[in-house]
Full PDB file with SEQRES, HELIX, SHEET, SSBOND, CRYST1, ORIGX, SCALE, CONECT and MASTER records, all heavy atoms in Angstrom:
SEQRES   1 A   41  ALA ILE ASN GLY GLY VAL GLY PHE LEU ALA PHE HIS SER          
SEQRES   2 A   41  ALA THR ASP THR TRP LYS THR GLU GLY ALA PRO TYR GLU          
SEQRES   3 A   41  ASN GLN GLU ASN VAL ASP PRO TYR ILE ARG MET LEU GLY          
SEQRES   4 A   41  ALA GLU                                                      
HELIX    1 AA1 HIS A   12  ASP A   16  5                                   5    
HELIX    2 AA2 PRO A   33  LEU A   38  1                                   6    
CRYST1    1.000    1.000    1.000  90.00  90.00  90.00 P 1           1          
ORIGX1      1.000000  0.000000  0.000000        0.00000                         
ORIGX2      0.000000  1.000000  0.000000        0.00000                         
ORIGX3      0.000000  0.000000  1.000000        0.00000                         
SCALE1      1.000000  0.000000  0.000000        0.00000                         
SCALE2      0.000000  1.000000  0.000000        0.00000                         
SCALE3      0.000000  0.000000  1.000000        0.00000                         
ATOM      1  N   ALA A   1       2.416  10.526 -10.169  1.00  0.00           N  
ATOM      2  CA  ALA A   1       2.300  11.889  -9.623  1.00  0.00           C  
ATOM      3  C   ALA A   1       3.006  11.998  -8.278  1.00  0.00           C  
ATOM      4  O   ALA A   1       3.748  12.933  -8.050  1.00  0.00           O  
ATOM      5  CB  ALA A   1       0.836  12.313  -9.503  1.00  0.00           C  
ATOM      6  N   ILE A   2       2.781  10.983  -7.426  1.00  0.00           N  
ATOM      7  CA  ILE A   2       3.493  10.983  -6.128  1.00  0.00           C  
ATOM      8  C   ILE A   2       4.983  10.909  -6.289  1.00  0.00           C  
ATOM      9  O   ILE A   2       5.728  11.697  -5.739  1.00  0.00           O  
ATOM     10  CB  ILE A   2       2.933   9.866  -5.232  1.00  0.00           C  
ATOM     11  CG1 ILE A   2       1.470  10.170  -4.873  1.00  0.00           C  
ATOM     12  CG2 ILE A   2       3.764   9.781  -3.915  1.00  0.00           C  
ATOM     13  CD1 ILE A   2       0.719   9.073  -4.242  1.00  0.00           C  
ATOM     14  N   ASN A   3       5.486   9.972  -7.143  1.00  0.00           N  
ATOM     15  CA  ASN A   3       6.878   9.868  -7.457  1.00  0.00           C  
ATOM     16  C   ASN A   3       7.436  11.188  -7.960  1.00  0.00           C  
ATOM     17  O   ASN A   3       8.590  11.521  -7.691  1.00  0.00           O  
ATOM     18  CB  ASN A   3       7.157   8.745  -8.450  1.00  0.00           C  
ATOM     19  CG  ASN A   3       7.274   7.396  -7.849  1.00  0.00           C  
ATOM     20  OD1 ASN A   3       7.814   7.255  -6.739  1.00  0.00           O  
ATOM     21  ND2 ASN A   3       6.707   6.416  -8.443  1.00  0.00           N  
ATOM     22  N   GLY A   4       6.630  11.963  -8.656  1.00  0.00           N  
ATOM     23  CA  GLY A   4       7.098  13.196  -9.238  1.00  0.00           C  
ATOM     24  C   GLY A   4       7.061  14.354  -8.301  1.00  0.00           C  
ATOM     25  O   GLY A   4       7.491  15.437  -8.643  1.00  0.00           O  
ATOM     26  N   GLY A   5       6.474  14.183  -7.070  1.00  0.00           N  
ATOM     27  CA  GLY A   5       6.505  15.243  -6.072  1.00  0.00           C  
ATOM     28  C   GLY A   5       5.214  15.650  -5.436  1.00  0.00           C  
ATOM     29  O   GLY A   5       5.186  16.502  -4.607  1.00  0.00           O  
ATOM     30  N   VAL A   6       4.137  15.028  -5.812  1.00  0.00           N  
ATOM     31  CA  VAL A   6       2.821  15.320  -5.216  1.00  0.00           C  
ATOM     32  C   VAL A   6       2.788  14.704  -3.828  1.00  0.00           C  
ATOM     33  O   VAL A   6       3.204  13.498  -3.674  1.00  0.00           O  
ATOM     34  CB  VAL A   6       1.656  14.735  -6.079  1.00  0.00           C  
ATOM     35  CG1 VAL A   6       0.354  14.888  -5.382  1.00  0.00           C  
ATOM     36  CG2 VAL A   6       1.608  15.551  -7.423  1.00  0.00           C  
ATOM     37  N   GLY A   7       2.274  15.403  -2.866  1.00  0.00           N  
ATOM     38  CA  GLY A   7       2.183  14.821  -1.505  1.00  0.00           C  
ATOM     39  C   GLY A   7       0.872  13.989  -1.338  1.00  0.00           C  
ATOM     40  O   GLY A   7      -0.102  14.239  -2.059  1.00  0.00           O  
ATOM     41  N   PHE A   8       0.948  13.022  -0.433  1.00  0.00           N  
ATOM     42  CA  PHE A   8      -0.247  12.185  -0.226  1.00  0.00           C  
ATOM     43  C   PHE A   8      -0.372  11.933   1.266  1.00  0.00           C  
ATOM     44  O   PHE A   8       0.480  11.338   1.892  1.00  0.00           O  
ATOM     45  CB  PHE A   8      -0.034  10.812  -0.995  1.00  0.00           C  
ATOM     46  CG  PHE A   8      -1.203   9.907  -0.806  1.00  0.00           C  
ATOM     47  CD1 PHE A   8      -2.460  10.209  -1.312  1.00  0.00           C  
ATOM     48  CD2 PHE A   8      -0.995   8.632  -0.247  1.00  0.00           C  
ATOM     49  CE1 PHE A   8      -3.547   9.326  -1.148  1.00  0.00           C  
ATOM     50  CE2 PHE A   8      -2.073   7.771  -0.065  1.00  0.00           C  
ATOM     51  CZ  PHE A   8      -3.325   8.134  -0.618  1.00  0.00           C  
ATOM     52  N   LEU A   9      -1.506  12.347   1.797  1.00  0.00           N  
ATOM     53  CA  LEU A   9      -1.862  12.168   3.202  1.00  0.00           C  
ATOM     54  C   LEU A   9      -3.065  11.208   3.272  1.00  0.00           C  
ATOM     55  O   LEU A   9      -4.089  11.532   2.634  1.00  0.00           O  
ATOM     56  CB  LEU A   9      -2.170  13.511   3.884  1.00  0.00           C  
ATOM     57  CG  LEU A   9      -2.757  13.436   5.332  1.00  0.00           C  
ATOM     58  CD1 LEU A   9      -1.827  12.763   6.325  1.00  0.00           C  
ATOM     59  CD2 LEU A   9      -3.103  14.845   5.811  1.00  0.00           C  
ATOM     60  N   ALA A  10      -2.920  10.114   4.000  1.00  0.00           N  
ATOM     61  CA  ALA A  10      -3.946   9.111   4.031  1.00  0.00           C  
ATOM     62  C   ALA A  10      -4.303   8.753   5.508  1.00  0.00           C  
ATOM     63  O   ALA A  10      -3.399   8.782   6.396  1.00  0.00           O  
ATOM     64  CB  ALA A  10      -3.481   7.857   3.334  1.00  0.00           C  
ATOM     65  N   PHE A  11      -5.526   8.345   5.647  1.00  0.00           N  
ATOM     66  CA  PHE A  11      -6.036   8.014   7.004  1.00  0.00           C  
ATOM     67  C   PHE A  11      -6.683   6.625   6.935  1.00  0.00           C  
ATOM     68  O   PHE A  11      -7.062   6.110   5.908  1.00  0.00           O  
ATOM     69  CB  PHE A  11      -7.062   9.024   7.477  1.00  0.00           C  
ATOM     70  CG  PHE A  11      -6.454  10.345   7.870  1.00  0.00           C  
ATOM     71  CD1 PHE A  11      -6.261  11.326   6.905  1.00  0.00           C  
ATOM     72  CD2 PHE A  11      -5.999  10.581   9.139  1.00  0.00           C  
ATOM     73  CE1 PHE A  11      -5.690  12.516   7.235  1.00  0.00           C  
ATOM     74  CE2 PHE A  11      -5.389  11.749   9.479  1.00  0.00           C  
ATOM     75  CZ  PHE A  11      -5.231  12.756   8.538  1.00  0.00           C  
ATOM     76  N   HIS A  12      -6.785   6.055   8.137  1.00  0.00           N  
ATOM     77  CA  HIS A  12      -7.450   4.807   8.420  1.00  0.00           C  
ATOM     78  C   HIS A  12      -7.558   3.811   7.319  1.00  0.00           C  
ATOM     79  O   HIS A  12      -6.725   2.965   7.120  1.00  0.00           O  
ATOM     80  CB  HIS A  12      -8.828   5.194   8.985  1.00  0.00           C  
ATOM     81  CG  HIS A  12      -9.535   4.048   9.663  1.00  0.00           C  
ATOM     82  ND1 HIS A  12      -8.986   3.353  10.727  1.00  0.00           N  
ATOM     83  CD2 HIS A  12     -10.747   3.455   9.385  1.00  0.00           C  
ATOM     84  CE1 HIS A  12      -9.859   2.379  11.066  1.00  0.00           C  
ATOM     85  NE2 HIS A  12     -10.898   2.427  10.267  1.00  0.00           N  
ATOM     86  N   SER A  13      -8.700   3.853   6.519  1.00  0.00           N  
ATOM     87  CA  SER A  13      -8.970   2.808   5.569  1.00  0.00           C  
ATOM     88  C   SER A  13      -8.105   2.787   4.312  1.00  0.00           C  
ATOM     89  O   SER A  13      -8.216   1.961   3.446  1.00  0.00           O  
ATOM     90  CB  SER A  13     -10.432   2.831   5.171  1.00  0.00           C  
ATOM     91  OG  SER A  13     -10.740   4.073   4.565  1.00  0.00           O  
ATOM     92  N   ALA A  14      -7.126   3.747   4.207  1.00  0.00           N  
ATOM     93  CA  ALA A  14      -6.295   3.812   3.016  1.00  0.00           C  
ATOM     94  C   ALA A  14      -5.432   2.518   2.920  1.00  0.00           C  
ATOM     95  O   ALA A  14      -5.073   2.146   1.781  1.00  0.00           O  
ATOM     96  CB  ALA A  14      -5.377   5.065   3.061  1.00  0.00           C  
ATOM     97  N   THR A  15      -5.168   1.903   4.047  1.00  0.00           N  
ATOM     98  CA  THR A  15      -4.355   0.631   4.001  1.00  0.00           C  
ATOM     99  C   THR A  15      -5.207  -0.538   3.483  1.00  0.00           C  
ATOM    100  O   THR A  15      -4.702  -1.628   3.206  1.00  0.00           O  
ATOM    101  CB  THR A  15      -3.813   0.299   5.348  1.00  0.00           C  
ATOM    102  OG1 THR A  15      -4.849   0.230   6.306  1.00  0.00           O  
ATOM    103  CG2 THR A  15      -2.753   1.294   5.743  1.00  0.00           C  
ATOM    104  N   ASP A  16      -6.527  -0.300   3.341  1.00  0.00           N  
ATOM    105  CA  ASP A  16      -7.467  -1.424   2.959  1.00  0.00           C  
ATOM    106  C   ASP A  16      -7.959  -1.150   1.488  1.00  0.00           C  
ATOM    107  O   ASP A  16      -8.998  -1.652   1.126  1.00  0.00           O  
ATOM    108  CB  ASP A  16      -8.628  -1.471   3.915  1.00  0.00           C  
ATOM    109  CG  ASP A  16      -9.457  -2.708   3.777  1.00  0.00           C  
ATOM    110  OD1 ASP A  16      -9.028  -3.694   3.187  1.00  0.00           O  
ATOM    111  OD2 ASP A  16     -10.674  -2.683   4.216  1.00  0.00           O  
ATOM    112  N   THR A  17      -7.233  -0.339   0.739  1.00  0.00           N  
ATOM    113  CA  THR A  17      -7.666   0.035  -0.566  1.00  0.00           C  
ATOM    114  C   THR A  17      -7.315  -1.038  -1.663  1.00  0.00           C  
ATOM    115  O   THR A  17      -8.174  -1.379  -2.497  1.00  0.00           O  
ATOM    116  CB  THR A  17      -7.075   1.358  -1.000  1.00  0.00           C  
ATOM    117  OG1 THR A  17      -7.485   2.316   0.046  1.00  0.00           O  
ATOM    118  CG2 THR A  17      -7.549   1.864  -2.291  1.00  0.00           C  
ATOM    119  N   TRP A  18      -6.116  -1.569  -1.590  1.00  0.00           N  
ATOM    120  CA  TRP A  18      -5.707  -2.616  -2.500  1.00  0.00           C  
ATOM    121  C   TRP A  18      -5.088  -3.771  -1.641  1.00  0.00           C  
ATOM    122  O   TRP A  18      -4.668  -3.547  -0.549  1.00  0.00           O  
ATOM    123  CB  TRP A  18      -4.644  -2.182  -3.482  1.00  0.00           C  
ATOM    124  CG  TRP A  18      -5.249  -1.518  -4.707  1.00  0.00           C  
ATOM    125  CD1 TRP A  18      -5.639  -2.176  -5.771  1.00  0.00           C  
ATOM    126  CD2 TRP A  18      -5.410  -0.118  -4.929  1.00  0.00           C  
ATOM    127  NE1 TRP A  18      -6.183  -1.297  -6.738  1.00  0.00           N  
ATOM    128  CE2 TRP A  18      -6.022   0.016  -6.211  1.00  0.00           C  
ATOM    129  CE3 TRP A  18      -5.208   1.040  -4.216  1.00  0.00           C  
ATOM    130  CZ2 TRP A  18      -6.356   1.193  -6.826  1.00  0.00           C  
ATOM    131  CZ3 TRP A  18      -5.554   2.259  -4.768  1.00  0.00           C  
ATOM    132  CH2 TRP A  18      -6.110   2.337  -6.010  1.00  0.00           C  
ATOM    133  N   LYS A  19      -5.179  -4.953  -2.202  1.00  0.00           N  
ATOM    134  CA  LYS A  19      -4.676  -6.156  -1.456  1.00  0.00           C  
ATOM    135  C   LYS A  19      -3.530  -6.769  -2.317  1.00  0.00           C  
ATOM    136  O   LYS A  19      -3.542  -6.846  -3.536  1.00  0.00           O  
ATOM    137  CB  LYS A  19      -5.754  -7.154  -1.311  1.00  0.00           C  
ATOM    138  CG  LYS A  19      -6.943  -6.718  -0.498  1.00  0.00           C  
ATOM    139  CD  LYS A  19      -6.574  -6.591   0.909  1.00  0.00           C  
ATOM    140  CE  LYS A  19      -7.767  -6.271   1.732  1.00  0.00           C  
ATOM    141  NZ  LYS A  19      -7.456  -5.794   3.038  1.00  0.00           N  
ATOM    142  N   THR A  20      -2.578  -7.288  -1.582  1.00  0.00           N  
ATOM    143  CA  THR A  20      -1.465  -8.045  -2.142  1.00  0.00           C  
ATOM    144  C   THR A  20      -1.919  -9.497  -2.147  1.00  0.00           C  
ATOM    145  O   THR A  20      -2.542  -9.995  -1.140  1.00  0.00           O  
ATOM    146  CB  THR A  20      -0.208  -7.886  -1.272  1.00  0.00           C  
ATOM    147  OG1 THR A  20       0.140  -6.460  -1.250  1.00  0.00           O  
ATOM    148  CG2 THR A  20       0.942  -8.701  -1.829  1.00  0.00           C  
ATOM    149  N   GLU A  21      -1.571 -10.232  -3.213  1.00  0.00           N  
ATOM    150  CA  GLU A  21      -1.957 -11.618  -3.226  1.00  0.00           C  
ATOM    151  C   GLU A  21      -1.174 -12.381  -2.124  1.00  0.00           C  
ATOM    152  O   GLU A  21      -0.026 -12.112  -1.888  1.00  0.00           O  
ATOM    153  CB  GLU A  21      -1.531 -12.210  -4.626  1.00  0.00           C  
ATOM    154  CG  GLU A  21      -2.482 -11.728  -5.717  1.00  0.00           C  
ATOM    155  CD  GLU A  21      -2.214 -12.392  -7.015  1.00  0.00           C  
ATOM    156  OE1 GLU A  21      -1.799 -13.600  -7.012  1.00  0.00           O  
ATOM    157  OE2 GLU A  21      -2.403 -11.739  -8.081  1.00  0.00           O  
ATOM    158  N   GLY A  22      -1.822 -13.373  -1.533  1.00  0.00           N  
ATOM    159  CA  GLY A  22      -1.211 -14.162  -0.513  1.00  0.00           C  
ATOM    160  C   GLY A  22      -2.109 -14.235   0.714  1.00  0.00           C  
ATOM    161  O   GLY A  22      -3.121 -13.543   0.835  1.00  0.00           O  
ATOM    162  N   ALA A  23      -1.697 -15.081   1.681  1.00  0.00           N  
ATOM    163  CA  ALA A  23      -2.484 -15.290   2.898  1.00  0.00           C  
ATOM    164  C   ALA A  23      -2.537 -14.022   3.721  1.00  0.00           C  
ATOM    165  O   ALA A  23      -1.564 -13.269   3.797  1.00  0.00           O  
ATOM    166  CB  ALA A  23      -1.848 -16.431   3.710  1.00  0.00           C  
ATOM    167  N   PRO A  24      -3.717 -13.732   4.306  1.00  0.00           N  
ATOM    168  CA  PRO A  24      -3.870 -12.500   5.065  1.00  0.00           C  
ATOM    169  C   PRO A  24      -2.878 -12.343   6.214  1.00  0.00           C  
ATOM    170  O   PRO A  24      -2.419 -11.209   6.467  1.00  0.00           O  
ATOM    171  CB  PRO A  24      -5.316 -12.575   5.622  1.00  0.00           C  
ATOM    172  CG  PRO A  24      -5.959 -13.638   4.821  1.00  0.00           C  
ATOM    173  CD  PRO A  24      -4.939 -14.534   4.298  1.00  0.00           C  
ATOM    174  N   TYR A  25      -2.547 -13.359   6.902  1.00  0.00           N  
ATOM    175  CA  TYR A  25      -1.666 -13.252   8.060  1.00  0.00           C  
ATOM    176  C   TYR A  25      -0.243 -13.663   7.758  1.00  0.00           C  
ATOM    177  O   TYR A  25       0.430 -14.206   8.623  1.00  0.00           O  
ATOM    178  CB  TYR A  25      -2.269 -14.041   9.269  1.00  0.00           C  
ATOM    179  CG  TYR A  25      -3.356 -13.267   9.925  1.00  0.00           C  
ATOM    180  CD1 TYR A  25      -4.671 -13.384   9.495  1.00  0.00           C  
ATOM    181  CD2 TYR A  25      -3.090 -12.374  10.967  1.00  0.00           C  
ATOM    182  CE1 TYR A  25      -5.652 -12.617  10.085  1.00  0.00           C  
ATOM    183  CE2 TYR A  25      -4.064 -11.620  11.558  1.00  0.00           C  
ATOM    184  CZ  TYR A  25      -5.396 -11.765  11.099  1.00  0.00           C  
ATOM    185  OH  TYR A  25      -6.349 -11.026  11.696  1.00  0.00           O  
ATOM    186  N   GLU A  26       0.196 -13.372   6.532  1.00  0.00           N  
ATOM    187  CA  GLU A  26       1.565 -13.592   6.160  1.00  0.00           C  
ATOM    188  C   GLU A  26       2.059 -12.322   5.415  1.00  0.00           C  
ATOM    189  O   GLU A  26       1.309 -11.729   4.640  1.00  0.00           O  
ATOM    190  CB  GLU A  26       1.678 -14.767   5.194  1.00  0.00           C  
ATOM    191  CG  GLU A  26       1.377 -16.127   5.872  1.00  0.00           C  
ATOM    192  CD  GLU A  26       1.485 -17.240   4.827  1.00  0.00           C  
ATOM    193  OE1 GLU A  26       1.911 -17.054   3.639  1.00  0.00           O  
ATOM    194  OE2 GLU A  26       1.100 -18.374   5.172  1.00  0.00           O  
ATOM    195  N   ASN A  27       3.314 -12.005   5.688  1.00  0.00           N  
ATOM    196  CA  ASN A  27       3.953 -10.870   4.975  1.00  0.00           C  
ATOM    197  C   ASN A  27       4.376 -11.396   3.630  1.00  0.00           C  
ATOM    198  O   ASN A  27       4.817 -12.516   3.440  1.00  0.00           O  
ATOM    199  CB  ASN A  27       5.104 -10.378   5.765  1.00  0.00           C  
ATOM    200  CG  ASN A  27       4.711  -9.635   7.030  1.00  0.00           C  
ATOM    201  OD1 ASN A  27       4.127  -8.589   6.963  1.00  0.00           O  
ATOM    202  ND2 ASN A  27       4.992 -10.228   8.173  1.00  0.00           N  
ATOM    203  N   GLN A  28       4.266 -10.561   2.601  1.00  0.00           N  
ATOM    204  CA  GLN A  28       4.719 -10.927   1.250  1.00  0.00           C  
ATOM    205  C   GLN A  28       5.879 -10.087   0.839  1.00  0.00           C  
ATOM    206  O   GLN A  28       6.038  -8.968   1.279  1.00  0.00           O  
ATOM    207  CB  GLN A  28       3.555 -10.726   0.267  1.00  0.00           C  
ATOM    208  CG  GLN A  28       2.438 -11.812   0.358  1.00  0.00           C  
ATOM    209  CD  GLN A  28       1.393 -11.518   1.418  1.00  0.00           C  
ATOM    210  OE1 GLN A  28       1.208 -10.390   1.809  1.00  0.00           O  
ATOM    211  NE2 GLN A  28       0.816 -12.561   1.971  1.00  0.00           N  
ATOM    212  N   GLU A  29       6.649 -10.665  -0.086  1.00  0.00           N  
ATOM    213  CA  GLU A  29       7.827  -9.992  -0.622  1.00  0.00           C  
ATOM    214  C   GLU A  29       7.375  -9.007  -1.683  1.00  0.00           C  
ATOM    215  O   GLU A  29       7.893  -7.875  -1.744  1.00  0.00           O  
ATOM    216  CB  GLU A  29       8.786 -10.999  -1.261  1.00  0.00           C  
ATOM    217  CG  GLU A  29       9.553 -11.845  -0.246  1.00  0.00           C  
ATOM    218  CD  GLU A  29      10.535 -11.040   0.592  1.00  0.00           C  
ATOM    219  OE1 GLU A  29      11.180 -10.143  -0.006  1.00  0.00           O  
ATOM    220  OE2 GLU A  29      10.625 -11.308   1.787  1.00  0.00           O  
ATOM    221  N   ASN A  30       6.514  -9.361  -2.586  1.00  0.00           N  
ATOM    222  CA  ASN A  30       6.047  -8.567  -3.746  1.00  0.00           C  
ATOM    223  C   ASN A  30       4.715  -7.988  -3.438  1.00  0.00           C  
ATOM    224  O   ASN A  30       3.681  -8.485  -3.819  1.00  0.00           O  
ATOM    225  CB  ASN A  30       6.037  -9.380  -5.011  1.00  0.00           C  
ATOM    226  CG  ASN A  30       7.387  -9.933  -5.380  1.00  0.00           C  
ATOM    227  OD1 ASN A  30       8.405  -9.174  -5.378  1.00  0.00           O  
ATOM    228  ND2 ASN A  30       7.507 -11.210  -5.669  1.00  0.00           N  
ATOM    229  N   VAL A  31       4.700  -6.828  -2.800  1.00  0.00           N  
ATOM    230  CA  VAL A  31       3.446  -6.170  -2.395  1.00  0.00           C  
ATOM    231  C   VAL A  31       2.917  -5.303  -3.562  1.00  0.00           C  
ATOM    232  O   VAL A  31       3.644  -4.885  -4.442  1.00  0.00           O  
ATOM    233  CB  VAL A  31       3.580  -5.367  -1.109  1.00  0.00           C  
ATOM    234  CG1 VAL A  31       4.005  -6.291   0.049  1.00  0.00           C  
ATOM    235  CG2 VAL A  31       4.512  -4.183  -1.230  1.00  0.00           C  
ATOM    236  N   ASP A  32       1.634  -5.041  -3.528  1.00  0.00           N  
ATOM    237  CA  ASP A  32       0.968  -4.195  -4.501  1.00  0.00           C  
ATOM    238  C   ASP A  32       1.669  -2.857  -4.551  1.00  0.00           C  
ATOM    239  O   ASP A  32       2.100  -2.325  -3.507  1.00  0.00           O  
ATOM    240  CB  ASP A  32      -0.488  -4.071  -4.068  1.00  0.00           C  
ATOM    241  CG  ASP A  32      -1.254  -3.104  -5.004  1.00  0.00           C  
ATOM    242  OD1 ASP A  32      -1.262  -1.900  -4.771  1.00  0.00           O  
ATOM    243  OD2 ASP A  32      -1.824  -3.664  -5.929  1.00  0.00           O  
ATOM    244  N   PRO A  33       1.831  -2.228  -5.701  1.00  0.00           N  
ATOM    245  CA  PRO A  33       2.546  -0.947  -5.818  1.00  0.00           C  
ATOM    246  C   PRO A  33       1.943   0.156  -4.951  1.00  0.00           C  
ATOM    247  O   PRO A  33       2.625   1.001  -4.396  1.00  0.00           O  
ATOM    248  CB  PRO A  33       2.480  -0.601  -7.278  1.00  0.00           C  
ATOM    249  CG  PRO A  33       2.321  -1.933  -7.991  1.00  0.00           C  
ATOM    250  CD  PRO A  33       1.512  -2.779  -7.005  1.00  0.00           C  
ATOM    251  N   TYR A  34       0.607   0.183  -4.857  1.00  0.00           N  
ATOM    252  CA  TYR A  34      -0.020   1.189  -3.986  1.00  0.00           C  
ATOM    253  C   TYR A  34       0.367   0.990  -2.491  1.00  0.00           C  
ATOM    254  O   TYR A  34       0.683   1.908  -1.806  1.00  0.00           O  
ATOM    255  CB  TYR A  34      -1.530   1.126  -4.129  1.00  0.00           C  
ATOM    256  CG  TYR A  34      -2.263   1.919  -3.094  1.00  0.00           C  
ATOM    257  CD1 TYR A  34      -2.471   3.296  -3.258  1.00  0.00           C  
ATOM    258  CD2 TYR A  34      -2.732   1.306  -1.944  1.00  0.00           C  
ATOM    259  CE1 TYR A  34      -3.153   4.037  -2.258  1.00  0.00           C  
ATOM    260  CE2 TYR A  34      -3.419   2.026  -0.962  1.00  0.00           C  
ATOM    261  CZ  TYR A  34      -3.639   3.417  -1.114  1.00  0.00           C  
ATOM    262  OH  TYR A  34      -4.271   4.131  -0.166  1.00  0.00           O  
ATOM    263  N   ILE A  35       0.376  -0.282  -2.074  1.00  0.00           N  
ATOM    264  CA  ILE A  35       0.751  -0.635  -0.688  1.00  0.00           C  
ATOM    265  C   ILE A  35       2.188  -0.242  -0.451  1.00  0.00           C  
ATOM    266  O   ILE A  35       2.558   0.308   0.573  1.00  0.00           O  
ATOM    267  CB  ILE A  35       0.488  -2.149  -0.415  1.00  0.00           C  
ATOM    268  CG1 ILE A  35      -1.028  -2.472  -0.568  1.00  0.00           C  
ATOM    269  CG2 ILE A  35       1.080  -2.555   0.938  1.00  0.00           C  
ATOM    270  CD1 ILE A  35      -1.922  -1.711   0.444  1.00  0.00           C  
ATOM    271  N   ARG A  36       3.064  -0.527  -1.412  1.00  0.00           N  
ATOM    272  CA  ARG A  36       4.466  -0.181  -1.345  1.00  0.00           C  
ATOM    273  C   ARG A  36       4.604   1.305  -1.106  1.00  0.00           C  
ATOM    274  O   ARG A  36       5.360   1.777  -0.290  1.00  0.00           O  
ATOM    275  CB  ARG A  36       5.241  -0.691  -2.543  1.00  0.00           C  
ATOM    276  CG  ARG A  36       6.747  -0.409  -2.351  1.00  0.00           C  
ATOM    277  CD  ARG A  36       7.533  -0.938  -3.533  1.00  0.00           C  
ATOM    278  NE  ARG A  36       7.406  -2.346  -3.677  1.00  0.00           N  
ATOM    279  CZ  ARG A  36       6.777  -3.012  -4.691  1.00  0.00           C  
ATOM    280  NH1 ARG A  36       6.217  -2.307  -5.670  1.00  0.00           N  
ATOM    281  NH2 ARG A  36       6.722  -4.329  -4.723  1.00  0.00           N  
ATOM    282  N   MET A  37       3.846   2.079  -1.856  1.00  0.00           N  
ATOM    283  CA  MET A  37       3.937   3.565  -1.745  1.00  0.00           C  
ATOM    284  C   MET A  37       3.401   3.989  -0.397  1.00  0.00           C  
ATOM    285  O   MET A  37       4.023   4.843   0.266  1.00  0.00           O  
ATOM    286  CB  MET A  37       3.083   4.173  -2.912  1.00  0.00           C  
ATOM    287  CG  MET A  37       2.949   5.749  -2.826  1.00  0.00           C  
ATOM    288  SD  MET A  37       1.680   6.360  -1.710  1.00  0.00           S  
ATOM    289  CE  MET A  37       0.128   5.681  -2.351  1.00  0.00           C  
ATOM    290  N   LEU A  38       2.290   3.478   0.023  1.00  0.00           N  
ATOM    291  CA  LEU A  38       1.669   3.896   1.288  1.00  0.00           C  
ATOM    292  C   LEU A  38       2.527   3.472   2.519  1.00  0.00           C  
ATOM    293  O   LEU A  38       2.723   4.249   3.412  1.00  0.00           O  
ATOM    294  CB  LEU A  38       0.245   3.305   1.426  1.00  0.00           C  
ATOM    295  CG  LEU A  38      -0.573   3.766   2.615  1.00  0.00           C  
ATOM    296  CD1 LEU A  38      -0.736   5.291   2.604  1.00  0.00           C  
ATOM    297  CD2 LEU A  38      -1.891   3.058   2.589  1.00  0.00           C  
ATOM    298  N   GLY A  39       3.016   2.215   2.516  1.00  0.00           N  
ATOM    299  CA  GLY A  39       3.890   1.806   3.592  1.00  0.00           C  
ATOM    300  C   GLY A  39       3.444   0.538   4.374  1.00  0.00           C  
ATOM    301  O   GLY A  39       4.235  -0.033   5.032  1.00  0.00           O  
ATOM    302  N   ALA A  40       2.155   0.131   4.241  1.00  0.00           N  
ATOM    303  CA  ALA A  40       1.687  -1.045   4.919  1.00  0.00           C  
ATOM    304  C   ALA A  40       0.294  -1.416   4.410  1.00  0.00           C  
ATOM    305  O   ALA A  40      -0.319  -0.632   3.709  1.00  0.00           O  
ATOM    306  CB  ALA A  40       1.673  -0.879   6.448  1.00  0.00           C  
ATOM    307  N   GLU A  41      -0.136  -2.647   4.783  1.00  0.00           N  
ATOM    308  CA  GLU A  41      -1.398  -3.162   4.305  1.00  0.00           C  
ATOM    309  C   GLU A  41      -2.275  -3.653   5.471  1.00  0.00           C  
ATOM    310  O   GLU A  41      -1.812  -4.261   6.401  1.00  0.00           O  
ATOM    311  CB  GLU A  41      -1.078  -4.324   3.358  1.00  0.00           C  
ATOM    312  CG  GLU A  41      -2.266  -4.972   2.705  1.00  0.00           C  
ATOM    313  CD  GLU A  41      -1.819  -5.983   1.634  1.00  0.00           C  
ATOM    314  OE1 GLU A  41      -0.638  -6.100   1.327  1.00  0.00           O  
ATOM    315  OE2 GLU A  41      -2.722  -6.695   1.157  1.00  0.00           O  
TER     316      GLU A  41                                                      
MASTER        0    0    0    2    0    0    0    6  315    1    0    4          
END                                                                             
């Protein structure tokens, strides 16, 4: 839906909704699709 044109406004805990596999204090190459859409984790 977002890719198709729906807007998404998120606050605070939205970055804590899904987790990418890997160590917490390391950046990963293959991030969760939701995190990729939102912009950070």
